[in-house]
Amino acid sequence: MAESAFELNEDQKQVRDWLHGFARDVIRPAAAEWDEREETPWPVIREAAKLGIYSLDFYAQQFFDPTGLGIPMTMEELFWGDAGIALSIVGTGLAAVGVLANGTEEQVGTWVPQMYGDADDVQVAAFCSSEPDAGSDVAAMRTRAVYDQAKDEWVINGTKTWVTNGGIAGVHVVVAVVDPELGSKGHASFIVPPGTPGLSQGQKFKKHGIRASHTAEVVLEDVRVPGSCLLGGKEKLDERLARAREKAKTGGERVKNAAMATFEASRPAVGAMAVGTARAAYEVALDYATSRRQFGRPIIDNQGVAFQLADMRTRIDAARLLVWRASWMATAGRPFENAEGSMSKLFASEVAKDVTARAVQILGGNGYTREYPVERMHRDSAIYTIFEGTSEIQRLVIARSLSGVAIR
C-alpha cells in the first residue's frame, strides 16, 4: 500500500507534462470555437484518441495508480485547458466508473472497451441517473426496470435528464428502480447496448457553461435489455434487495444504491476538474496583473490586486491537497469516515467559482468580454457546485458523517 506522500514521482510528472502539452497545444486553441458552436468537439476527441489520451488503457493506468494521484492529475491538466472540451474527453469515464463499481469482471471486460472504441472508431458513453423530478433526491426516481422472467430480459421505461453524451453515446448506463418500496435502496444499474430499440435523445440543453460538452435528455420507451446487462447480475441484486428489506424492518445499517456508489467514487475527480479551471483563471489573472499598467505601474503593485492573487493561489493549493488526500484514501482503502470525498468536491468547486470571479474582476472590463478566457472559465465553473451532488448536498453528507445524525 502506498504511503501518503503528496508529491508526484518522475513517471507521473512525465504524464502530467504530456497532458499539459496536449491541453496547451490542442485544447486551448479550440476552446472558444467549440464553446460558441455548443457542439461535441469530435476532432479534438479523435486527436486525443490518436495520442492515447482518450483510451481505456490510459484511464485504467491512471485509475489503478497505487498513489491515487493519477486521475486527479489527469483531470486538473485537461480542465486547465478547457472545461467544456475536457468534459467531452472524460465524460465517458463516469459511465465506465458505473460499470467498474457495480459490474462483474465479465461485464467490465465486455462493455468498458466498447465505451471508448479505438482511434479509428471513437465512441463515447453516458451515465444516466438524474431525472426531471429526481436530482439530489434519488429516492424520487421513477424510471422503472421490470424483469421479464420468460425471456430473461429487463424492460425499462422512463426519462433521464442532464445526461453527458446522452443520446449520442453508444453505450448508456441507466440507473432504474427495481423495487419501489425500498426507495433509493431499490435501484439497480443496467447496460443499454448500442442501437437498442426504444432509447432516444430528448431535449438537448443549451447551457450557461461547459457548452462544448453534449448534455441532453434520454428517453426510454419499452427498452428491452438481456438479463446479462444487469450490472452485478440477478443473484447479487436479489441478495442485496433481500438485505435491504431486512434492514428496513430492523432499522439497520444503510445500503448504498447504485448511483451513489458511482458518485462517491467520482467526487474527488470532480474536485480536480474544478482545481484545473481555477488554476487556469488564476494564471491568466496573474499574467494580466503583471503586464497591465495603470497610473504608471503594473496593477499588481496595488495591494487590492496582489492580495486577491495571494488568496486565489492559497485556496487553489488547499483545494488540490483535499482532492489528493481523498484520492489517496480511496486507493489505499481508507474509509471516508468524515466524508473526505465530499469535502474535496465541496471545497474545490466553491474555490473554482470564487477564483474565476476574482479573475474576471482583476481583468475588469476585459474580463467581462469573450476576448479573454476568464469569462468562459467563470461560466464553466458554475457547474462544479451543481453536478454530481450540489454543494448543499455535500454539506449534508459531511454533516451527517460528522454528527451521526440524519440531518435533513
Foldseek 3Di string as FASTA:
>chain_A
DDDQDPDDDPVLVVVLVVLLCLLVPPQQVCALVLLVVLAAPVVSLLVCQVVPNQAPVQVVCLLQVLQLCSLLSNLLSNLLSPLLNSCSRCVLVLVLLLLVLFADPVCNVPPSRVCQPGSVDGFHEKEFQADPPPAPQSLPFDWAWEADVVQQKIWTFDKTFFIFCAAVGQKYKYKHAHDNVLRLLRIFIFIQGGPFPQKHWDDWDCALASSNITTTMIGGDRGIDHQNRTGNGDVVSVVSVVVSVVCVVVVDDDDHHSLLSSLLLCLLSLLSSLLSLLVSLLVVLVVQQQPDDDPHHRNCVDCVSVVLSVVLVVLSVVLVVLSSVSSSCVSVVNDPLQLSSLVSLLSSLVSSLVSLVSSLVSVDPVSCDPVDCSVNSNSHSVCSCPPSAHSVRSVQVNVCSVPVDNDD
